[in-house]
Amino acid sequence: MVIGPHGSRFGIDVKGLYKKNWWTVSPKALKEQLYYVFAFVPQGNSNQFFILSQDEVNASIVEESSAARGRAEAKGAVSKFDQFPGISWKAAEAHYDKWCKLPDWPSR
């Protein structure tokens, strides 16, 4: 639970990586005011943060799961994405440094 500068309360779920990959995260039932911060913390380089709403995370998981299933079926295989759902690096990139999505976030 986080309290914003103007008193609003919201949840943040933080996921981290040290090398480019996908963040393992499962879709959750909607909770009011839940946000995700995907942190990329590489050794020897600057940290990067990707901020998404819960709606954006759930939608991305559904989209990527469907795409992974299609790629696997085209190869005659079974997708493991349903067992290990998540957000790909590519999907997260559009949300780089989008701190302004958080309630009460001060403008820069």
Protein backbone atom coordinates (compact mmCIF):
# COMPACT_ATOMS: atom_id res chain seq x y z
CA MET A 1 0.00 0.00 0.00
CA VAL A 2 1.28 3.44 -0.94
CA ILE A 3 0.06 6.87 0.10
CA GLY A 4 0.46 9.56 -2.55
CA PRO A 5 1.59 13.12 -1.82
CA HIS A 6 -2.04 14.30 -1.59
CA GLY A 7 -3.22 11.40 0.57
CA SER A 8 -4.60 8.97 -2.00
CA ARG A 9 -4.02 5.31 -1.22
CA PHE A 10 -3.16 2.74 -3.88
CA GLY A 11 -1.38 -0.56 -4.25
CA ILE A 12 1.85 -1.25 -6.11
CA ASP A 13 3.10 -4.69 -7.10
CA VAL A 14 6.81 -4.56 -7.97
CA LYS A 15 8.48 -7.13 -10.22
CA GLY A 16 12.18 -7.08 -11.04
CA LEU A 17 14.67 -8.37 -13.60
CA TYR A 18 18.43 -8.05 -13.89
CA LYS A 19 18.58 -9.07 -17.58
CA LYS A 20 16.14 -8.50 -20.43
CA ASN A 21 13.50 -11.20 -20.37
CA TRP A 22 9.80 -11.29 -19.47
CA TRP A 23 8.39 -10.50 -16.07
CA THR A 24 6.45 -13.44 -14.69
CA VAL A 25 3.08 -12.18 -13.47
CA SER A 26 -0.35 -13.79 -13.46
CA PRO A 27 -3.58 -11.95 -14.19
CA LYS A 28 -5.49 -11.02 -11.04
CA ALA A 29 -9.09 -10.15 -10.32
CA LEU A 30 -9.45 -6.39 -10.60
CA LYS A 31 -8.59 -4.46 -7.46
CA GLU A 32 -9.28 -0.78 -7.19
CA GLN A 33 -6.17 1.36 -7.60
CA LEU A 34 -3.60 -1.42 -8.22
CA TYR A 35 -0.52 -0.57 -10.28
CA TYR A 36 2.56 -2.49 -11.32
CA VAL A 37 6.14 -1.28 -11.42
CA PHE A 38 8.36 -3.52 -13.53
CA ALA A 39 11.95 -2.78 -12.56
CA PHE A 40 14.95 -3.57 -14.75
CA VAL A 41 18.04 -3.49 -12.55
CA PRO A 42 21.04 -4.50 -14.69
CA GLN A 43 24.46 -4.84 -13.18
CA GLY A 44 26.66 -1.93 -14.21
CA ASN A 45 23.92 0.06 -15.99
CA SER A 46 21.13 2.44 -15.05
CA ASN A 47 17.89 1.08 -13.65
CA GLN A 48 14.74 1.37 -15.74
CA PHE A 49 11.13 1.37 -14.58
CA PHE A 50 7.93 0.56 -16.47
CA ILE A 51 4.62 1.56 -14.87
CA LEU A 52 1.34 -0.12 -15.81
CA SER A 53 -2.18 -0.17 -14.43
CA GLN A 54 -3.70 -3.51 -13.49
CA ASP A 55 -6.00 -3.29 -16.53
CA GLU A 56 -2.97 -2.84 -18.79
CA VAL A 57 -1.18 -5.81 -17.24
CA ASN A 58 -4.17 -8.13 -17.49
CA ALA A 59 -4.83 -7.09 -21.11
CA SER A 60 -1.18 -7.57 -22.05
CA ILE A 61 -1.11 -11.05 -20.50
CA VAL A 62 -4.19 -12.09 -22.50
CA GLU A 63 -2.73 -10.65 -25.71
CA GLU A 64 0.70 -12.21 -25.25
CA SER A 65 -0.76 -15.56 -24.19
CA SER A 66 -2.82 -15.71 -27.37
CA ALA A 67 0.18 -14.78 -29.53
CA ALA A 68 2.39 -17.37 -27.80
CA ARG A 69 -0.25 -20.04 -28.31
CA GLY A 70 -0.42 -19.18 -32.02
CA ARG A 71 3.36 -19.33 -32.43
CA ALA A 72 3.54 -22.67 -30.61
CA GLU A 73 0.69 -24.18 -32.65
CA ALA A 74 2.38 -23.07 -35.88
CA LYS A 75 5.42 -25.11 -34.78
CA GLY A 76 3.29 -28.06 -33.69
CA ALA A 77 4.15 -27.43 -30.04
CA VAL A 78 2.31 -26.49 -26.89
CA SER A 79 2.75 -23.00 -25.42
CA LYS A 80 4.23 -22.79 -21.93
CA PHE A 81 3.02 -19.21 -21.61
CA ASP A 82 -0.20 -20.30 -19.91
CA GLN A 83 1.87 -22.00 -17.18
CA PHE A 84 4.23 -19.02 -16.86
CA PRO A 85 2.26 -15.94 -17.91
CA GLY A 86 3.85 -12.53 -17.87
CA ILE A 87 4.76 -9.30 -19.59
CA SER A 88 7.40 -9.28 -22.29
CA TRP A 89 10.16 -6.72 -22.49
CA LYS A 90 8.64 -5.41 -25.71
CA ALA A 91 5.19 -4.96 -24.14
CA ALA A 92 6.67 -3.13 -21.15
CA GLU A 93 8.75 -0.70 -23.21
CA ALA A 94 5.74 1.47 -24.10
CA HIS A 95 5.30 2.16 -20.37
CA TYR A 96 8.86 3.27 -19.64
CA ASP A 97 9.04 5.91 -16.90
CA LYS A 98 5.24 6.51 -16.95
CA TRP A 99 5.12 7.52 -13.28
CA CYS A 100 2.35 9.97 -14.16
CA LYS A 101 -0.10 7.01 -14.22
CA LEU A 102 0.07 6.80 -10.45
CA PRO A 103 -2.56 8.72 -8.47
CA ASP A 104 -1.41 12.08 -7.13
CA TRP A 105 1.86 11.87 -9.04
CA PRO A 106 3.32 15.38 -9.17
CA SER A 107 3.88 16.78 -12.66
CA ARG A 108 7.45 17.42 -13.64
